[in-house]
Each structure stands twice: as structure tokens, then as C-alpha cells.
């Protein structure tokens, strides 16, 4: 895996100039507005009931999802004038590797229900633009397939924590052997959240063997079932949940086999086995690269993460998909960064703070970084880009948000992201409207 650092500072803001000059508008999505991209994704997936909401939907009344945006909007940037901020530098160094920007493509499962390219679309787009891609344990492609699609691109692996230690270690071994350098352990999805939109349709792709390809390709997990691993499997697209369920009810042997495998993987990784802090040690002992805990929202949990020796955290409420009524993620970040212990660990270089849930614009990234995040994970926007236009759609979403960040830095009188980090008291104010 090559270091992503470069002496050349990418000028993402030139993407705006390219759009103006090409005379065709932003292609292939036709818009740079998140809400319009979302609408286009809804339209593209309208004949696949349940597909859009599986990614776009949230827990309960969606109050956590909407709260993320409301809270971000309460932080406002205070621009400064007559600051020579040409050649703005968006580069960040995370765990000893320098990347062209603070943007990371966050983990999203069952990509094969949104686009025929599945996880190949974000993996290839991220690799092309030098952006780290975090592969989900709920992918519709195997670890090996995603690694091949990523080529030399930077990639991390997101772990839905298996119940059995030997299965966990097998996944870690495969990830290491295939060039995944960071391990992102999701803590807030030990079981699925209460999602009415999925429950109304009984929409669960895993029950039809879709999104279980990491498990079905794992030799240790499959050996526990008395089976051999299935390599290079690609689920059928489009995924028709209604037809799959009818085949299952009618006793179709292929459908029954897929369901048995799918529910076995769910029972292994996502159906209600809750962990403790003591359980992190075996992960630490068996992973040589950065170990990152995702889903931290309380300051005491952030401090415990430091105590047990992990390398970083992602302050996240899972985009509102797990707990209805949870604290907005940006408020969680603000609270955590008030801890002297957290700030000291971050300053020492031994502890990295990242953020997700609600990022939609370049200004959102500035706000998160001003409050102390060193990088941000992006979720739904790139998923919608993939649903509309595959790899090219993901590439455009990346360019949109980084161009917006670049230009917003200039408009705020900031020379680069290094000017932003941890300077909320000088860059931001909070309003009450």
C-alpha cells in the first residue's frame, strides 16, 4: 500500500470552474445539491421497494437524523477578510499517512441493492481520488473482491463484531492480507435499530443472502456450518425482495440455502450480542494497524478508549439509524472535545478524533474540524451518487464536497484545514434559531 502523501497540493476548487466552462453543468448527476441528488436516487430506485429507505431511512421517528442537521446549522462560521488564502491546503495526516483531504468514504452495507457495481463503485472512485474507503462487513462483495477493485487505493475495514473469536480473527487476517490498513469497529450496531420503514416491508436483504458475502466467503465461519467458503459471489441485481421472499415461501432450494446462510451470518455479527470494554483487548492484540472505535458519543467512553490503547474514535450516531432521540453527533463531538484528557491525547499524536453523521457540505466539514475532528466520514451522499451513476456518481460527490470545502475555506479566510482544527472559539459561534 503506497503512502497517499504528495508534495502537490490538490486544488479541488477548480472543479467549480470546470463545471462553469464545460457548458453542460455537473455531470453525471446533473446537480451539486445534496437534496436534489437524494431525489434523483429515490427516483432511480422507485421500482425497488425498500431499497432507498434501507440506506436513506433512520430509526424510529427520524429525530436523530433530523437532529444532526439542525444541530450542525446552529454552529455558524465567522468569516475573516483580507487573508491571503491562495493555494489552500486540504491535506491531513492520519495514523502516519498523509491524504489529500480530511474526507473518508464511510462504511455502508448492501451496496449491491443500490447499484449493479455494488462496493466496486466507491472502492474504485475512492482509489482514483486518493480518498480512504471504509469497507462494510455487510458488503455484497468479499474482502478480496473489494481489495482487488481498490488496487493501490487507501482502504480500511469496518468490523461488525462476530460472536465467535475465531471468526473475528479470520476476518482480521483476511483484511490484513488484502491491504486494509485501518480497522474500524462499529460499536452501536450490535443489533439492528428499530426502523419502521424496513419492518413494514420485512425488508432485510441479509435474509435472502444479500450483504452476507463477507461471511459466506470466510473459511472459518463457513467451516462452523460444515461448508466450504463461496468465493467471488456477486448477488443478482436488481435485488427484488418481494420475488426473493416468494421463492423462499414456495420452498425454492436456492432461496432456502441463501436464507439459512444469511441468518447464520446475522446471528454471528448483528443480532444482539453486546460487548464490554474488556473485549477490545483481543482486537488490539490481533491488529497491527490503527484500531478505531466508531459510535462514541459520551465523553467518558472517549476517555475509556484512550485508557485501553485504541488509536482513534469516530464520534457518530450512525447517521440516526440506530437510536431514535439520540444526541446530535456534532453536540457529542463538542462535549467530548471539552475533555482535557481527550485534547491532550490528541495533541500527543497518539489519539485521532474523527466524525460522522450529518455531513453534507464543505461548511459542515469546517465546523466539525473546528470543534476538533481531524477527519470526517461521509455516508449517504456518496451512496446516492452510486445509485444514480455508479462509480462516476461517487466520484462527482467526492469532487462536490471537496470543492465546496476548498471554496468555503477561502470565503472564511482560512488558508487550509490546519488553520481550522480545534479553533472553534475563533472560527465558530452558536446561534439559537
Protein backbone atom coordinates (compact mmCIF):
# COMPACT_ATOMS: atom_id res chain seq x y z
CA UNK A 1 0.00 0.00 0.00
CA UNK A 2 1.55 3.28 -1.05
CA UNK A 3 1.61 6.36 1.18
CA UNK A 4 -1.00 8.81 -0.07
CA UNK A 5 1.18 11.85 0.61
CA UNK A 6 2.22 14.21 -2.15
CA UNK A 7 4.14 17.46 -2.48
CA UNK A 8 1.49 18.68 -4.90
CA UNK A 9 -1.43 20.42 -3.19
CA UNK A 10 -4.68 19.40 -4.98
CA UNK A 11 -6.81 22.40 -5.88
CA UNK A 12 -10.29 20.95 -5.51
CA UNK A 13 -11.91 24.35 -6.01
CA UNK A 14 -11.01 24.22 -9.70
CA UNK A 15 -13.87 21.72 -10.09
CA UNK A 16 -16.31 24.63 -9.88
CA UNK A 17 -14.50 26.36 -12.74
CA UNK A 18 -14.63 23.17 -14.80
CA UNK A 19 -18.41 22.98 -14.36
CA UNK A 20 -18.88 26.57 -15.47
CA UNK A 21 -16.64 26.13 -18.51
CA UNK A 22 -17.91 22.79 -19.81
CA UNK A 23 -21.30 24.30 -20.71
CA UNK A 24 -23.16 21.13 -19.67
CA UNK A 25 -23.47 21.55 -15.93
CA UNK A 26 -22.27 18.99 -13.37
CA UNK A 27 -22.13 15.52 -14.89
CA UNK A 28 -23.20 12.76 -14.49
CA UNK A 29 -25.54 13.66 -11.60
CA UNK A 30 -26.78 16.91 -13.14
CA UNK A 31 -26.68 18.77 -9.82
CA UNK A 32 -24.38 19.65 -6.95
CA UNK A 33 -27.20 19.97 -4.40
CA UNK A 34 -27.49 17.13 -1.88
CA UNK A 35 -31.29 17.29 -1.69
CA UNK A 36 -31.55 17.03 -5.48
CA UNK A 37 -29.12 14.11 -5.59
CA UNK A 38 -31.28 12.43 -2.93
CA UNK A 39 -34.42 12.97 -5.03
CA UNK A 40 -32.72 11.51 -8.08
CA UNK A 41 -31.70 8.44 -6.08
CA UNK A 42 -35.28 7.98 -4.89
CA UNK A 43 -36.49 8.18 -8.48
CA UNK A 44 -33.82 5.74 -9.71
CA UNK A 45 -34.77 3.17 -7.06
CA UNK A 46 -38.55 3.67 -7.20
CA UNK A 47 -39.17 0.24 -8.76
CA UNK A 48 -37.18 -1.50 -6.00
CA UNK A 49 -39.42 -1.17 -2.91
CA UNK A 50 -37.44 -0.72 0.26
CA UNK A 51 -34.05 -0.20 -1.40
CA UNK A 52 -33.76 3.56 -0.95
CA UNK A 53 -35.00 3.59 2.62
CA UNK A 54 -32.63 0.85 3.65
CA UNK A 55 -29.86 3.43 3.33
CA UNK A 56 -31.81 6.67 3.47
CA UNK A 57 -34.10 5.75 6.33
CA UNK A 58 -33.48 6.14 10.04
CA UNK A 59 -34.54 4.79 13.41
CA UNK A 60 -37.94 5.50 14.95
CA UNK A 61 -39.32 8.95 14.16
CA UNK A 62 -36.08 10.03 12.42
CA UNK A 63 -35.50 12.57 15.20
CA UNK A 64 -31.79 11.70 15.46
CA UNK A 65 -31.34 12.04 11.70
CA UNK A 66 -33.03 15.45 11.57
CA UNK A 67 -31.34 16.50 14.80
CA UNK A 68 -27.92 16.02 13.21
CA UNK A 69 -28.70 18.62 10.55
CA UNK A 70 -30.44 21.03 12.91
CA UNK A 71 -27.53 20.95 15.32
CA UNK A 72 -24.92 21.46 12.60
CA UNK A 73 -26.85 24.51 11.40
CA UNK A 74 -26.70 26.06 14.86
CA UNK A 75 -22.94 26.38 14.51
CA UNK A 76 -22.07 29.32 12.27
CA UNK A 77 -18.75 30.26 10.70
CA UNK A 78 -17.34 33.75 11.36
CA UNK A 79 -15.51 34.83 8.16
CA UNK A 80 -12.33 36.88 8.27
CA UNK A 81 -11.35 39.28 5.48
CA UNK A 82 -8.11 40.24 3.72
CA UNK A 83 -6.43 36.96 4.50
CA UNK A 84 -4.07 35.72 1.73
CA UNK A 85 -5.51 32.21 1.46
CA UNK A 86 -4.37 31.18 -2.02
CA UNK A 87 -3.15 27.59 -2.56
CA UNK A 88 -5.29 26.26 0.24
CA UNK A 89 -4.02 23.01 1.71
CA UNK A 90 -6.65 20.37 2.48
CA UNK A 91 -4.15 17.61 3.28
CA UNK A 92 -4.32 15.77 6.59
CA UNK A 93 -2.14 13.15 8.22
CA UNK A 94 -3.96 10.26 9.87
CA UNK A 95 -2.06 7.47 11.61
CA UNK A 96 1.16 8.47 9.89
CA UNK A 97 -0.26 8.61 6.36
CA UNK A 98 -0.93 11.89 4.55
CA UNK A 99 -4.12 12.08 2.49
CA UNK A 100 -5.23 14.80 0.04
CA UNK A 101 -8.16 15.85 2.22
CA UNK A 102 -9.95 15.12 5.52
CA UNK A 103 -12.71 13.23 3.66
CA UNK A 104 -13.23 9.48 4.14
CA UNK A 105 -15.93 7.37 2.49
CA UNK A 106 -17.69 5.83 5.48
CA UNK A 107 -18.91 2.22 5.60
CA UNK A 108 -22.34 1.49 4.14
CA UNK A 109 -23.70 -2.04 3.78
CA UNK A 110 -25.51 -3.90 1.00
CA UNK A 111 -24.32 -1.64 -1.82
CA UNK A 112 -25.44 -4.28 -4.28
CA UNK A 113 -29.06 -3.35 -3.60
CA UNK A 114 -28.47 0.20 -4.90
CA UNK A 115 -26.28 -0.36 -7.95
CA UNK A 116 -25.05 -3.23 -10.10
CA UNK A 117 -21.48 -2.16 -9.32
CA UNK A 118 -22.02 -2.74 -5.60
CA UNK A 119 -18.97 -1.94 -3.47
CA UNK A 120 -16.81 -1.69 -6.57
CA UNK A 121 -18.21 1.79 -7.27
CA UNK A 122 -16.99 3.50 -4.07
CA UNK A 123 -13.80 1.42 -3.91
CA UNK A 124 -12.73 2.46 -7.41
CA UNK A 125 -13.86 6.07 -7.03
CA UNK A 126 -12.05 6.48 -3.73
CA UNK A 127 -8.88 4.91 -5.10
CA UNK A 128 -8.93 7.18 -8.14
CA UNK A 129 -9.16 10.32 -5.99
CA UNK A 130 -6.92 9.19 -3.13
CA UNK A 131 -9.71 9.11 -0.56
CA UNK A 132 -9.77 6.31 2.05
CA UNK A 133 -12.67 3.89 1.59
CA UNK A 134 -14.04 2.02 4.60
CA UNK A 135 -15.46 -1.32 3.52
CA UNK A 136 -18.50 -2.56 5.43
CA UNK A 137 -18.76 -6.03 6.97
CA UNK A 138 -22.23 -6.08 5.38
CA UNK A 139 -20.87 -5.78 1.85
CA UNK A 140 -22.21 -7.60 -1.19
CA UNK A 141 -18.66 -8.37 -2.26
CA UNK A 142 -15.93 -10.25 -0.42
CA UNK A 143 -12.92 -8.65 1.24
CA UNK A 144 -10.76 -9.99 -1.57
CA UNK A 145 -13.01 -8.64 -4.33
CA UNK A 146 -13.10 -5.14 -2.82
CA UNK A 147 -9.34 -5.14 -2.34
CA UNK A 148 -8.86 -6.01 -5.99
CA UNK A 149 -11.20 -3.21 -7.06
CA UNK A 150 -9.34 -0.76 -4.80
CA UNK A 151 -5.97 -1.52 -6.37
CA UNK A 152 -3.42 0.69 -4.60
CA UNK A 153 -6.11 2.93 -3.13
CA UNK A 154 -6.20 3.55 0.63
CA UNK A 155 -8.72 1.33 2.38
CA UNK A 156 -9.87 0.48 5.89
CA UNK A 157 -12.08 -2.36 7.05
CA UNK A 158 -15.18 -1.87 9.18
CA UNK A 159 -15.92 -4.71 11.57
CA UNK A 160 -19.35 -5.82 12.69
CA UNK A 161 -18.01 -7.75 15.65
CA UNK A 162 -18.60 -11.50 15.27
CA UNK A 163 -19.82 -13.51 18.24
CA UNK A 164 -17.02 -16.08 17.94
CA UNK A 165 -13.40 -15.05 18.37
CA UNK A 166 -12.08 -17.42 15.71
CA UNK A 167 -14.39 -15.84 13.10
CA UNK A 168 -13.26 -12.36 14.15
CA UNK A 169 -9.59 -13.31 13.82
CA UNK A 170 -10.23 -14.84 10.40
CA UNK A 171 -11.76 -11.58 9.14
CA UNK A 172 -8.85 -9.57 10.55
CA UNK A 173 -6.37 -11.90 8.88
CA UNK A 174 -8.09 -11.55 5.52
CA UNK A 175 -8.29 -7.77 5.86
CA UNK A 176 -4.57 -7.50 6.68
CA UNK A 177 -3.59 -9.81 3.84
CA UNK A 178 -5.60 -7.70 1.40
CA UNK A 179 -4.14 -4.32 2.21
CA UNK A 180 -6.71 -2.87 4.60
CA UNK A 181 -4.65 -0.71 6.92
CA UNK A 182 -7.20 0.57 9.45
CA UNK A 183 -9.76 -1.39 11.48
CA UNK A 184 -12.97 0.49 12.25
CA UNK A 185 -15.00 -1.35 14.88
CA UNK A 186 -18.64 -0.27 14.89
CA UNK A 187 -19.97 -0.31 18.45
CA UNK A 188 -23.54 0.92 18.00
CA UNK A 189 -24.83 -1.89 15.80
CA UNK A 190 -24.57 -4.96 17.97
CA UNK A 191 -28.18 -5.39 16.88
CA UNK A 192 -30.23 -3.60 14.24
CA UNK A 193 -32.04 -0.43 15.25
CA UNK A 194 -35.83 -0.01 15.34
CA UNK A 195 -36.51 1.02 11.73
CA UNK A 196 -40.25 1.15 10.96
CA UNK A 197 -39.78 1.57 7.20
CA UNK A 198 -37.88 -1.74 6.99
CA UNK A 199 -40.18 -3.50 9.44
CA UNK A 200 -43.29 -2.57 7.45
CA UNK A 201 -41.92 -4.42 4.42
CA UNK A 202 -39.90 -7.04 6.35
CA UNK A 203 -37.08 -5.64 4.24
CA UNK A 204 -33.92 -7.48 5.25
CA UNK A 205 -31.59 -8.30 2.34
CA UNK A 206 -29.43 -10.47 4.63
CA UNK A 207 -32.34 -12.89 4.94
CA UNK A 208 -32.02 -13.51 1.20
CA UNK A 209 -28.25 -13.87 1.26
CA UNK A 210 -27.52 -10.31 0.12
CA UNK A 211 -24.95 -8.36 2.14
CA UNK A 212 -23.58 -11.55 3.69
CA UNK A 213 -20.76 -12.07 1.19
CA UNK A 214 -18.02 -11.31 3.74
CA UNK A 215 -19.35 -14.17 5.84
CA UNK A 216 -20.06 -16.65 3.07
CA UNK A 217 -16.53 -16.19 1.72
CA UNK A 218 -14.90 -16.73 5.11
CA UNK A 219 -13.36 -20.17 5.63
CA UNK A 220 -13.70 -20.18 9.41
CA UNK A 221 -17.32 -19.01 9.51
CA UNK A 222 -18.33 -21.45 6.78
CA UNK A 223 -16.47 -24.32 8.46
CA UNK A 224 -18.63 -23.76 11.54
CA UNK A 225 -21.60 -24.51 9.28
CA UNK A 226 -19.91 -27.54 7.77
CA UNK A 227 -19.47 -25.80 4.43
CA UNK A 228 -16.76 -24.51 2.15
CA UNK A 229 -16.36 -20.76 1.53
CA UNK A 230 -18.03 -19.27 -1.54
CA UNK A 231 -15.55 -17.14 -3.45
CA UNK A 232 -16.32 -14.37 -5.95
CA UNK A 233 -20.07 -14.41 -5.37
CA UNK A 234 -21.97 -11.40 -6.76
CA UNK A 235 -25.66 -11.18 -5.81
CA UNK A 236 -28.16 -10.66 -8.58
CA UNK A 237 -29.03 -7.05 -9.42
CA UNK A 238 -31.59 -5.62 -9.18
CA UNK A 239 -32.40 -7.13 -5.81
CA UNK A 240 -36.14 -7.85 -5.77
CA UNK A 241 -37.09 -8.52 -2.15
CA UNK A 242 -40.68 -9.49 -2.99
CA UNK A 243 -39.67 -12.09 -5.56
CA UNK A 244 -36.93 -13.46 -3.31
CA UNK A 245 -39.39 -13.86 -0.45
CA UNK A 246 -41.94 -15.63 -2.67
CA UNK A 247 -39.29 -18.09 -3.79
CA UNK A 248 -38.39 -18.69 -0.15
CA UNK A 249 -42.02 -19.26 0.87
CA UNK A 250 -42.52 -21.61 -2.09
CA UNK A 251 -39.61 -23.72 -0.90
CA UNK A 252 -37.10 -22.92 -3.64
CA UNK A 253 -33.91 -24.73 -2.57
CA UNK A 254 -31.56 -21.95 -3.67
CA UNK A 255 -33.62 -19.36 -1.79
CA UNK A 256 -33.71 -21.57 1.32
CA UNK A 257 -29.96 -22.07 1.25
CA UNK A 258 -29.34 -18.31 0.88
CA UNK A 259 -31.71 -17.58 3.77
CA UNK A 260 -30.08 -20.13 6.08
CA UNK A 261 -26.66 -18.69 5.30
CA UNK A 262 -27.88 -15.12 5.68
CA UNK A 263 -29.50 -15.61 9.05
CA UNK A 264 -26.46 -17.53 10.29
CA UNK A 265 -24.28 -14.54 9.43
CA UNK A 266 -26.72 -12.14 11.08
CA UNK A 267 -26.67 -14.27 14.21
CA UNK A 268 -22.89 -14.15 14.10
CA UNK A 269 -22.47 -10.40 13.69
CA UNK A 270 -25.62 -8.31 14.19
CA UNK A 271 -28.35 -9.93 16.24
CA UNK A 272 -27.98 -8.83 19.82
CA UNK A 273 -24.65 -9.98 21.27
CA UNK A 274 -23.40 -6.97 23.24
CA UNK A 275 -19.74 -6.49 24.15
CA UNK A 276 -17.79 -4.89 27.00
CA UNK A 277 -14.64 -2.76 27.12
CA UNK A 278 -12.63 -5.81 28.16
CA UNK A 279 -13.48 -7.44 24.82
CA UNK A 280 -11.46 -4.84 22.92
CA UNK A 281 -8.11 -6.24 24.08
CA UNK A 282 -8.12 -9.29 21.75
CA UNK A 283 -8.74 -6.96 18.83
CA UNK A 284 -5.83 -4.78 19.92
CA UNK A 285 -3.62 -7.86 20.28
CA UNK A 286 -4.53 -9.16 16.81
CA UNK A 287 -4.49 -5.99 14.73
CA UNK A 288 -1.19 -4.27 13.99
CA UNK A 289 -2.55 -1.14 12.31
CA UNK A 290 -4.78 1.67 13.56
CA UNK A 291 -7.68 0.43 15.72
CA UNK A 292 -10.62 2.83 15.63
CA UNK A 293 -13.87 2.65 17.64
CA UNK A 294 -16.90 4.00 15.78
CA UNK A 295 -20.07 5.13 17.55
CA UNK A 296 -18.60 7.01 20.52
CA UNK A 297 -20.96 9.73 21.81
CA UNK A 298 -20.15 10.17 25.52
CA UNK A 299 -17.04 11.85 26.89
CA UNK A 300 -16.41 9.02 29.39
CA UNK A 301 -16.42 6.49 26.54
CA UNK A 302 -13.89 8.60 24.63
CA UNK A 303 -11.68 8.67 27.71
CA UNK A 304 -12.02 4.89 28.17
CA UNK A 305 -10.95 4.43 24.56
CA UNK A 306 -7.73 6.27 25.41
CA UNK A 307 -7.19 4.12 28.50
CA UNK A 308 -7.45 0.82 26.64
CA UNK A 309 -4.99 1.91 23.96
CA UNK A 310 -7.02 2.26 20.79
CA UNK A 311 -5.70 4.67 18.17
CA UNK A 312 -8.81 6.71 17.49
CA UNK A 313 -12.56 7.09 17.56
CA UNK A 314 -15.33 8.14 15.23
CA UNK A 315 -17.85 10.34 17.02
CA UNK A 316 -21.04 9.07 15.40
CA UNK A 317 -24.69 8.24 15.97
CA UNK A 318 -24.79 6.08 12.83
CA UNK A 319 -26.48 8.84 10.88
CA UNK A 320 -29.57 8.45 13.07
CA UNK A 321 -30.14 4.85 12.00
CA UNK A 322 -29.78 3.17 15.39
CA UNK A 323 -31.22 5.12 18.34
CA UNK A 324 -34.17 7.47 17.95
CA UNK A 325 -33.82 10.56 20.14
CA UNK A 326 -30.04 10.32 20.50
CA UNK A 327 -27.80 13.33 20.94
CA UNK A 328 -26.84 15.07 17.65
CA UNK A 329 -23.41 13.88 16.64
CA UNK A 330 -21.94 17.40 16.45
CA UNK A 331 -23.06 18.07 20.05
CA UNK A 332 -21.40 14.81 21.09
CA UNK A 333 -18.18 16.00 19.44
CA UNK A 334 -18.39 19.37 21.17
CA UNK A 335 -18.85 17.68 24.54
CA UNK A 336 -16.06 15.14 24.04
CA UNK A 337 -13.58 17.80 22.98
CA UNK A 338 -14.09 19.67 26.27
CA UNK A 339 -12.21 16.83 27.98
CA UNK A 340 -8.65 17.79 28.87
CA UNK A 341 -7.69 14.13 28.69
CA UNK A 342 -9.01 13.80 25.14
CA UNK A 343 -7.37 17.00 23.96
CA UNK A 344 -4.04 16.01 25.50
CA UNK A 345 -4.13 12.57 23.87
CA UNK A 346 -4.97 14.12 20.53
CA UNK A 347 -2.20 16.71 20.84
CA UNK A 348 0.33 13.99 21.65
CA UNK A 349 -0.45 12.33 18.31
CA UNK A 350 -1.50 9.09 19.98
CA UNK A 351 -5.26 9.55 19.61
CA UNK A 352 -7.18 10.56 16.48
CA UNK A 353 -10.69 12.04 16.54
CA UNK A 354 -12.97 11.60 13.53
CA UNK A 355 -16.60 12.50 12.99
CA UNK A 356 -19.67 11.46 11.02
CA UNK A 357 -23.46 11.83 10.91
CA UNK A 358 -24.91 14.81 9.09
CA UNK A 359 -22.03 15.91 6.87
CA UNK A 360 -23.48 17.34 3.65
CA UNK A 361 -21.34 20.37 2.75
CA UNK A 362 -17.87 21.82 2.92
CA UNK A 363 -19.04 24.14 5.67
CA UNK A 364 -20.12 21.11 7.71
CA UNK A 365 -16.57 19.79 7.48
CA UNK A 366 -15.16 23.12 8.66
CA UNK A 367 -17.49 23.08 11.66
CA UNK A 368 -16.55 19.51 12.63
CA UNK A 369 -12.84 20.21 12.29
CA UNK A 370 -13.07 23.47 14.21
CA UNK A 371 -14.62 21.52 17.06
CA UNK A 372 -11.74 19.05 16.98
CA UNK A 373 -12.32 16.37 14.35
CA UNK A 374 -9.25 15.55 12.27
CA UNK A 375 -11.28 13.89 9.52
CA UNK A 376 -14.91 13.25 8.59
CA UNK A 377 -16.69 10.19 7.26
CA UNK A 378 -19.27 10.73 4.52
CA UNK A 379 -22.19 8.34 4.14
CA UNK A 380 -25.50 8.84 2.37
CA UNK A 381 -24.42 11.41 -0.28
CA UNK A 382 -21.98 9.05 -1.97
CA UNK A 383 -24.45 6.17 -1.71
CA UNK A 384 -27.00 8.24 -3.64
CA UNK A 385 -24.36 9.15 -6.21
CA UNK A 386 -23.62 5.45 -6.66
CA UNK A 387 -27.31 4.60 -7.04
CA UNK A 388 -27.67 7.18 -9.82
CA UNK A 389 -24.44 6.75 -11.76
CA UNK A 390 -22.20 4.10 -10.19
CA UNK A 391 -18.50 4.88 -9.84
CA UNK A 392 -18.79 8.16 -11.75
CA UNK A 393 -21.57 9.26 -9.42
CA UNK A 394 -19.42 8.60 -6.37
CA UNK A 395 -16.53 10.49 -7.96
CA UNK A 396 -18.74 13.51 -8.55
CA UNK A 397 -19.98 13.52 -4.96
CA UNK A 398 -16.38 13.47 -3.70
CA UNK A 399 -15.45 16.34 -6.02
CA UNK A 400 -18.54 18.33 -5.00
CA UNK A 401 -17.88 18.21 -1.28
CA UNK A 402 -14.14 18.81 -1.56
CA UNK A 403 -14.62 21.72 -3.98
CA UNK A 404 -17.19 23.15 -1.57
CA UNK A 405 -14.74 22.71 1.31
CA UNK A 406 -11.92 24.37 -0.64
CA UNK A 407 -14.02 27.37 -1.63
CA UNK A 408 -15.62 27.67 1.81
CA UNK A 409 -12.19 27.82 3.42
CA UNK A 410 -11.33 30.76 1.16
CA UNK A 411 -14.60 32.51 1.86
CA UNK A 412 -13.98 32.15 5.59
CA UNK A 413 -10.42 33.49 5.30
CA UNK A 414 -8.75 30.18 6.14
CA UNK A 415 -5.55 29.00 4.48
CA UNK A 416 -6.25 25.30 4.86
CA UNK A 417 -7.61 22.67 7.19
CA UNK A 418 -4.64 23.11 9.53
CA UNK A 419 -5.99 26.62 10.18
CA UNK A 420 -9.29 25.10 11.27
CA UNK A 421 -8.51 22.19 13.59
CA UNK A 422 -9.60 22.83 17.17
CA UNK A 423 -10.13 26.57 16.72
CA UNK A 424 -13.87 26.68 17.33
CA UNK A 425 -13.53 29.58 19.76
CA UNK A 426 -12.13 31.75 16.93
CA UNK A 427 -13.96 30.33 13.90
CA UNK A 428 -17.46 29.43 15.12
CA UNK A 429 -20.34 30.86 17.06
CA UNK A 430 -23.56 29.12 18.10
CA UNK A 431 -26.94 30.64 17.31
CA UNK A 432 -30.39 29.85 18.65
CA UNK A 433 -32.83 29.76 15.74
